[in-house]
Amino acid sequence: MLFCGIDLHSNNCFVVISDDDDRVLYSRRLPNNLTEICSALGPYQSKLFGVVVESTCNWYWLVDGLIEAGYSLHLANTTAIKQYDGLKHRGDESDARHLAHILRLGLLPEGHIMPRSMRAVRDLARKRMQLVQQRTVQILSIETCLEQQTGGRITSNDVKQLTDAAIDKMAIGAVEAIGMKANVAVLQALQTQIDGIEKVLAVHCRSNPGYRLLKSVSGIGPILASVILLETGSIERFADVGNYASYCRCVGSIHVSNGKKKGEGNTKNGNRYLAWAYVEAANFAIRYCEPARKFYQRKKAKRNGIVAIKAVAHKLARACFHMLKTGEQFSIERCFT
């Protein structure tokens, strides 16, 4: 049996193939060209147990191409892979060789390879979030400019309704008005794109039974339901509710010895988009759902508001896991009692 590790970079990759005894049979740097990589792996394909690719920012093309070529792909979680710190020399070849080595040992920390069609829609939801953040920058810029020039304040909803004619009537200078009109033009362009993306997301998600289940949860509307559904992917990839809650960054990370805190783990390990979605849902839930508000107030009295809102998010994440797993409707009593 053979094992392949690929150390992927922006313009090239280092490919290593080793056998059951960790003897290197192939070791070469190749350009990021799928045809050349497949040609290099071709003579060994029948004996290859699997191919490990680093989960760098540009892995899509390589993983998709090798899967289509019939290879068994494994996506390495690079942040979880640790090599011996005492090594005197490390390079691309040793990194690729190490990937093949831990695949052979069955110790490879793997990332999830989402199907290409679902991944495209998920990335579109992430693009929407990026555009919303850029829209917020424009809104804040307009609010700040108006406060600087007039001392007055304007709400974000009023900012979204601004026109060039309305800006001309403001008690600000001509140069400042040009800058504000530029902000409004960018804001309107962003809003148009956001609206278009939301329509596409709705078309892709509303036929999924999980989408309707998620919308029944307190604090979760159409947008948050889309984000949670797309970022979660197949719920079957999570062994239990604890794994899912951890993936959503809804659990603490603390190291304890003899009853004393000795440090913390990686609290950022997980999906930051799901973490954001559940905290947003928690904030809406305590605003409009009485049981959620009472639960939040109890937690806040014991600790603080940040811990309390994360506790609500944890409850919602656990509820969503069980709903997606079993197909049951949301029960507010079971969630917050």
Protein backbone atom coordinates (compact mmCIF):
# COMPACT_ATOMS: atom_id res chain seq x y z
CA MET A 1 0.00 0.00 0.00
CA LEU A 2 1.25 3.49 -0.89
CA PHE A 3 0.56 6.86 0.69
CA CYS A 4 0.83 10.30 -0.90
CA GLY A 5 1.33 13.69 0.75
CA ILE A 6 1.09 16.98 -1.14
CA ASP A 7 2.48 20.18 0.36
CA LEU A 8 0.48 22.80 -1.55
CA HIS A 9 1.63 26.38 -2.22
CA SER A 10 0.34 29.29 -4.28
CA ASN A 11 2.25 28.42 -7.46
CA ASN A 12 3.65 24.91 -6.91
CA CYS A 13 3.32 21.82 -4.77
CA PHE A 14 5.68 19.18 -3.42
CA VAL A 15 4.51 15.60 -3.96
CA VAL A 16 5.85 12.66 -1.94
CA ILE A 17 4.77 9.01 -2.24
CA SER A 18 5.93 6.51 0.39
CA ASP A 19 5.28 2.85 1.14
CA ASP A 20 4.34 0.88 4.28
CA ASP A 21 7.89 1.25 5.62
CA ASP A 22 7.99 5.03 5.01
CA ARG A 23 10.44 4.57 2.16
CA VAL A 24 10.05 7.41 -0.33
CA LEU A 25 9.28 6.16 -3.83
CA TYR A 26 8.56 9.52 -5.43
CA SER A 27 9.59 13.02 -4.37
CA ARG A 28 9.32 16.02 -6.66
CA ARG A 29 8.19 19.64 -6.81
CA LEU A 30 5.53 20.19 -9.47
CA PRO A 31 3.79 23.28 -10.83
CA ASN A 32 0.17 23.80 -9.87
CA ASN A 33 -1.09 22.06 -12.97
CA LEU A 34 -3.65 19.30 -12.54
CA THR A 35 -2.57 17.43 -15.67
CA GLU A 36 1.06 17.21 -14.55
CA ILE A 37 0.10 16.14 -11.03
CA CYS A 38 -2.21 13.40 -12.33
CA SER A 39 0.53 12.22 -14.69
CA ALA A 40 2.96 11.98 -11.78
CA LEU A 41 0.51 10.01 -9.63
CA GLY A 42 -0.79 7.83 -12.45
CA PRO A 43 1.78 4.98 -12.24
CA TYR A 44 1.04 4.57 -8.52
CA GLN A 45 -2.75 5.04 -8.57
CA SER A 46 -3.72 1.37 -8.27
CA LYS A 47 -1.68 0.98 -5.07
CA LEU A 48 -2.43 4.35 -3.46
CA PHE A 49 -4.37 4.14 -0.22
CA GLY A 50 -5.03 7.87 -0.31
CA VAL A 51 -3.74 11.34 -1.12
CA VAL A 52 -3.37 14.01 1.57
CA VAL A 53 -3.64 17.67 0.56
CA GLU A 54 -3.06 20.58 2.90
CA SER A 55 -6.15 22.70 3.56
CA THR A 56 -4.59 25.91 2.27
CA CYS A 57 -6.65 28.74 0.80
CA ASN A 58 -6.32 27.32 -2.73
CA TRP A 59 -7.09 23.60 -2.31
CA TYR A 60 -10.44 23.48 -4.18
CA TRP A 61 -9.07 22.92 -7.69
CA LEU A 62 -6.62 20.20 -6.66
CA VAL A 63 -8.96 18.21 -4.43
CA ASP A 64 -11.86 18.40 -6.90
CA GLY A 65 -9.61 17.41 -9.80
CA LEU A 66 -8.05 14.43 -8.02
CA ILE A 67 -11.44 13.20 -6.81
CA GLU A 68 -12.72 13.30 -10.40
CA ALA A 69 -9.61 11.36 -11.43
CA GLY A 70 -10.58 8.58 -9.02
CA TYR A 71 -8.23 9.19 -6.09
CA SER A 72 -9.20 8.88 -2.42
CA LEU A 73 -8.64 12.36 -1.02
CA HIS A 74 -7.96 13.46 2.55
CA LEU A 75 -7.90 17.13 3.50
CA ALA A 76 -5.32 17.78 6.22
CA ASN A 77 -6.27 20.13 9.05
CA THR A 78 -2.96 21.99 9.10
CA THR A 79 -3.57 23.78 12.41
CA ALA A 80 -3.93 20.42 14.18
CA ILE A 81 -0.77 18.84 12.75
CA LYS A 82 2.28 19.18 14.95
CA GLN A 83 5.77 18.04 14.04
CA TYR A 84 8.61 17.48 16.48
CA ASP A 85 9.93 20.91 17.53
CA GLY A 86 13.50 19.61 17.80
CA LEU A 87 13.91 19.03 14.06
CA LYS A 88 17.04 20.77 12.77
CA HIS A 89 15.72 21.07 9.26
CA ARG A 90 12.23 21.37 7.83
CA GLY A 91 11.18 21.98 4.30
CA ASP A 92 8.48 21.28 1.76
CA GLU A 93 9.70 17.73 1.19
CA SER A 94 9.70 16.86 4.90
CA ASP A 95 6.24 18.40 5.29
CA ALA A 96 4.83 16.33 2.41
CA ARG A 97 6.57 13.22 3.73
CA HIS A 98 5.08 13.84 7.19
CA LEU A 99 1.57 14.08 5.69
CA ALA A 100 2.00 10.68 4.03
CA HIS A 101 3.47 9.28 7.27
CA ILE A 102 0.56 10.27 9.53
CA LEU A 103 -1.92 9.05 6.90
CA ARG A 104 -0.24 5.63 7.08
CA LEU A 105 -0.45 5.65 10.88
CA GLY A 106 -4.12 6.64 10.85
CA LEU A 107 -3.35 9.80 12.85
CA LEU A 108 -4.23 12.40 10.22
CA PRO A 109 -6.47 15.23 11.54
CA GLU A 110 -8.85 15.72 8.64
CA GLY A 111 -10.91 18.63 7.44
CA HIS A 112 -14.32 18.18 5.85
CA ILE A 113 -14.49 18.09 2.05
CA MET A 114 -17.89 19.51 1.20
CA PRO A 115 -19.38 18.49 -2.17
CA ARG A 116 -18.58 21.03 -4.87
CA SER A 117 -22.21 22.02 -5.60
CA MET A 118 -23.01 22.64 -1.93
CA ARG A 119 -19.68 24.38 -1.35
CA ALA A 120 -20.43 26.92 -4.08
CA VAL A 121 -23.70 27.93 -2.41
CA ARG A 122 -22.00 28.04 1.01
CA ASP A 123 -19.30 30.33 -0.35
CA LEU A 124 -22.02 32.55 -1.80
CA ALA A 125 -23.49 32.90 1.70
CA ARG A 126 -20.03 33.87 2.95
CA LYS A 127 -19.79 36.41 0.13
CA ARG A 128 -23.07 37.93 1.31
CA MET A 129 -21.61 38.32 4.80
CA GLN A 130 -18.56 40.06 3.34
CA LEU A 131 -20.75 42.49 1.39
CA VAL A 132 -22.88 43.20 4.48
CA GLN A 133 -19.73 44.10 6.40
CA GLN A 134 -18.67 46.44 3.60
CA ARG A 135 -22.14 47.99 3.60
CA THR A 136 -21.80 48.62 7.33
CA VAL A 137 -18.51 50.46 6.68
CA GLN A 138 -20.32 52.82 4.29
CA ILE A 139 -23.15 53.43 6.76
CA LEU A 140 -20.74 54.21 9.59
CA SER A 141 -18.74 56.53 7.34
CA ILE A 142 -21.87 58.53 6.48
CA GLU A 143 -22.97 58.69 10.12
CA THR A 144 -19.52 59.85 11.22
CA CYS A 145 -19.28 62.49 8.49
CA LEU A 146 -22.67 63.96 9.40
CA GLU A 147 -21.84 64.02 13.10
CA GLN A 148 -18.51 65.71 12.42
CA GLN A 149 -19.96 68.39 10.17
CA THR A 150 -23.28 69.16 11.88
CA GLY A 151 -23.24 67.56 15.31
CA GLY A 152 -26.45 65.78 14.35
CA ARG A 153 -27.12 62.07 14.21
CA ILE A 154 -28.86 59.84 11.69
CA THR A 155 -30.06 56.26 12.01
CA SER A 156 -28.80 53.48 9.78
CA ASN A 157 -32.29 53.04 8.30
CA ASP A 158 -32.35 56.72 7.32
CA VAL A 159 -28.87 56.39 5.82
CA LYS A 160 -30.16 53.64 3.52
CA GLN A 161 -32.85 56.02 2.21
CA LEU A 162 -30.47 58.91 1.42
CA THR A 163 -30.40 60.40 -2.08
CA ASP A 164 -28.14 62.94 -3.73
CA ALA A 165 -30.92 65.52 -3.47
CA ALA A 166 -31.23 64.93 0.27
CA ILE A 167 -27.47 65.30 0.72
CA ASP A 168 -27.47 68.60 -1.20
CA LYS A 169 -29.95 70.00 1.34
CA MET A 170 -27.72 69.13 4.31
CA ALA A 171 -25.72 71.82 6.08
CA ILE A 172 -22.37 70.44 4.95
CA GLY A 173 -19.71 71.67 2.54
CA ALA A 174 -19.64 70.83 -1.15
CA VAL A 175 -16.51 68.69 -0.80
CA GLU A 176 -17.97 66.74 2.12
CA ALA A 177 -21.15 66.21 0.09
CA ILE A 178 -19.12 64.60 -2.72
CA GLY A 179 -17.61 62.12 -0.26
CA MET A 180 -21.00 61.31 1.24
CA LYS A 181 -22.54 60.79 -2.21
CA ALA A 182 -19.73 58.36 -3.00
CA ASN A 183 -20.56 56.42 0.18
CA VAL A 184 -24.25 56.34 -0.77
CA ALA A 185 -23.47 55.13 -4.31
CA VAL A 186 -21.31 52.28 -2.98
CA LEU A 187 -23.95 51.49 -0.34
CA GLN A 188 -26.71 51.22 -2.93
CA ALA A 189 -24.56 49.04 -5.21
CA LEU A 190 -23.76 46.72 -2.31
CA GLN A 191 -27.43 46.53 -1.32
CA THR A 192 -28.39 45.52 -4.86
CA GLN A 193 -25.87 42.68 -4.84
CA ILE A 194 -26.89 41.56 -1.34
CA ASP A 195 -30.55 41.39 -2.38
CA GLY A 196 -29.63 39.33 -5.44
CA ILE A 197 -27.54 36.89 -3.41
CA GLU A 198 -30.30 36.46 -0.83
CA LYS A 199 -32.75 35.48 -3.59
CA VAL A 200 -30.34 32.84 -4.90
CA LEU A 201 -29.77 31.46 -1.39
CA ALA A 202 -33.52 31.25 -0.82
CA VAL A 203 -33.99 29.26 -4.04
CA HIS A 204 -31.28 26.76 -3.07
CA CYS A 205 -32.26 26.35 0.58
CA ARG A 206 -36.05 26.44 0.80
CA SER A 207 -36.46 22.98 -0.75
CA ASN A 208 -34.32 21.48 2.03
CA PRO A 209 -36.43 20.14 4.95
CA GLY A 210 -33.76 21.30 7.38
CA TYR A 211 -34.27 24.90 6.27
CA ARG A 212 -37.91 24.87 7.37
CA LEU A 213 -36.96 23.23 10.66
CA LEU A 214 -34.30 25.84 11.40
CA LYS A 215 -36.69 28.71 10.66
CA SER A 216 -38.96 27.43 13.43
CA VAL A 217 -36.23 28.03 16.04
CA SER A 218 -36.55 31.15 18.19
CA GLY A 219 -34.20 33.82 16.90
CA ILE A 220 -33.49 32.17 13.54
CA GLY A 221 -34.88 33.77 10.38
CA PRO A 222 -34.33 33.04 6.67
CA ILE A 223 -30.76 34.37 6.48
CA LEU A 224 -29.48 32.68 9.65
CA ALA A 225 -31.25 29.46 8.65
CA SER A 226 -29.43 29.54 5.30
CA VAL A 227 -26.05 30.16 6.94
CA ILE A 228 -26.51 27.41 9.54
CA LEU A 229 -27.76 24.90 6.97
CA LEU A 230 -24.98 25.57 4.47
CA GLU A 231 -22.13 25.77 6.98
CA THR A 232 -23.27 22.61 8.79
CA GLY A 233 -23.50 20.51 5.65
CA SER A 234 -24.37 16.89 6.39
CA ILE A 235 -25.27 16.54 10.07
CA GLU A 236 -24.17 12.91 9.89
CA ARG A 237 -20.52 13.97 9.93
CA PHE A 238 -20.85 14.89 13.62
CA ALA A 239 -20.67 11.94 16.00
CA ASP A 240 -22.78 13.60 18.70
CA VAL A 241 -24.20 16.92 19.84
CA GLY A 242 -21.03 17.78 21.76
CA ASN A 243 -18.92 17.61 18.61
CA TYR A 244 -21.34 19.90 16.81
CA ALA A 245 -21.47 22.42 19.67
CA SER A 246 -17.68 22.46 19.76
CA TYR A 247 -17.54 22.98 15.98
CA CYS A 248 -19.84 25.98 16.46
CA ARG A 249 -17.46 27.41 19.09
CA CYS A 250 -20.21 27.20 21.69
CA VAL A 251 -18.18 25.37 24.35
CA GLY A 252 -15.40 26.57 26.59
CA SER A 253 -11.80 25.39 26.42
CA ILE A 254 -10.01 25.13 29.74
CA HIS A 255 -7.20 22.92 31.08
CA VAL A 256 -7.67 21.80 34.69
CA SER A 257 -5.27 19.91 36.95
CA ASN A 258 -6.05 19.00 40.58
CA GLY A 259 -9.08 21.25 40.48
CA LYS A 260 -7.09 24.29 39.34
CA LYS A 261 -7.06 26.07 36.01
CA LYS A 262 -3.78 25.48 34.21
CA GLY A 263 -4.45 27.22 30.92
CA GLU A 264 -6.76 27.27 27.94
CA GLY A 265 -7.03 25.43 24.68
CA ASN A 266 -7.74 26.75 21.21
CA THR A 267 -11.08 28.52 21.65
CA LYS A 268 -10.97 29.60 17.98
CA ASN A 269 -11.00 26.00 16.74
CA GLY A 270 -14.22 25.52 14.81
CA ASN A 271 -16.39 27.31 12.28
CA ARG A 272 -16.46 31.08 12.80
CA TYR A 273 -19.50 31.51 10.56
CA LEU A 274 -21.59 29.13 12.66
CA ALA A 275 -20.28 30.82 15.81
CA TRP A 276 -21.49 34.17 14.46
CA ALA A 277 -24.85 32.75 13.35
CA TYR A 278 -25.72 31.21 16.71
CA VAL A 279 -24.68 34.32 18.67
CA GLU A 280 -26.87 36.41 16.35
CA ALA A 281 -29.73 33.97 16.87
CA ALA A 282 -29.20 34.15 20.63
CA ASN A 283 -29.45 37.94 20.60
CA PHE A 284 -32.71 37.79 18.66
CA ALA A 285 -34.04 35.01 20.89
CA ILE A 286 -33.59 36.92 24.15
CA ARG A 287 -35.30 39.89 22.54
CA TYR A 288 -38.45 38.12 21.39
CA CYS A 289 -38.64 34.81 23.31
CA GLU A 290 -39.57 34.94 27.01
CA PRO A 291 -38.06 31.55 28.07
CA ALA A 292 -34.81 32.45 26.31
CA ARG A 293 -34.77 35.85 28.01
CA LYS A 294 -35.29 34.32 31.46
CA PHE A 295 -32.54 31.76 30.84
CA TYR A 296 -30.22 34.56 29.73
CA GLN A 297 -31.00 36.67 32.80
CA ARG A 298 -30.28 33.75 35.15
CA LYS A 299 -26.91 33.13 33.52
CA LYS A 300 -26.09 36.83 33.45
CA ALA A 301 -26.77 37.16 37.19
CA LYS A 302 -24.26 34.37 37.88
CA ARG A 303 -21.52 35.39 35.41
CA ASN A 304 -21.80 38.21 32.86
CA GLY A 305 -23.60 39.12 29.65
CA ILE A 306 -21.00 37.66 27.29
CA VAL A 307 -21.02 34.25 28.96
CA ALA A 308 -24.82 34.35 29.19
CA ILE A 309 -25.36 35.06 25.49
CA LYS A 310 -22.91 32.28 24.61
CA ALA A 311 -24.90 29.93 26.85
CA VAL A 312 -28.06 30.78 24.90
CA ALA A 313 -26.18 30.18 21.64
CA HIS A 314 -25.05 26.80 23.00
CA LYS A 315 -28.65 25.85 23.76
CA LEU A 316 -29.76 26.82 20.25
CA ALA A 317 -26.87 24.92 18.64
CA ARG A 318 -27.76 21.75 20.55
CA ALA A 319 -31.42 22.13 19.61
CA CYS A 320 -30.58 22.60 15.92
CA PHE A 321 -28.35 19.52 15.95
CA HIS A 322 -31.13 17.30 17.30
CA MET A 323 -33.68 18.82 14.91
CA LEU A 324 -31.50 18.22 11.85
CA LYS A 325 -30.65 14.73 13.12
CA THR A 326 -34.20 13.56 13.90
CA GLY A 327 -36.41 15.90 11.86
CA GLU A 328 -38.33 17.00 14.97
CA GLN A 329 -39.85 20.46 15.31
CA PHE A 330 -38.36 23.02 17.69
CA SER A 331 -39.61 22.84 21.30
CA ILE A 332 -38.98 25.95 23.38
CA GLU A 333 -39.70 24.02 26.59
CA ARG A 334 -37.11 21.33 25.89
CA CYS A 335 -34.54 23.91 24.81
CA PHE A 336 -34.60 26.26 27.82
CA THR A 337 -35.74 24.10 30.74
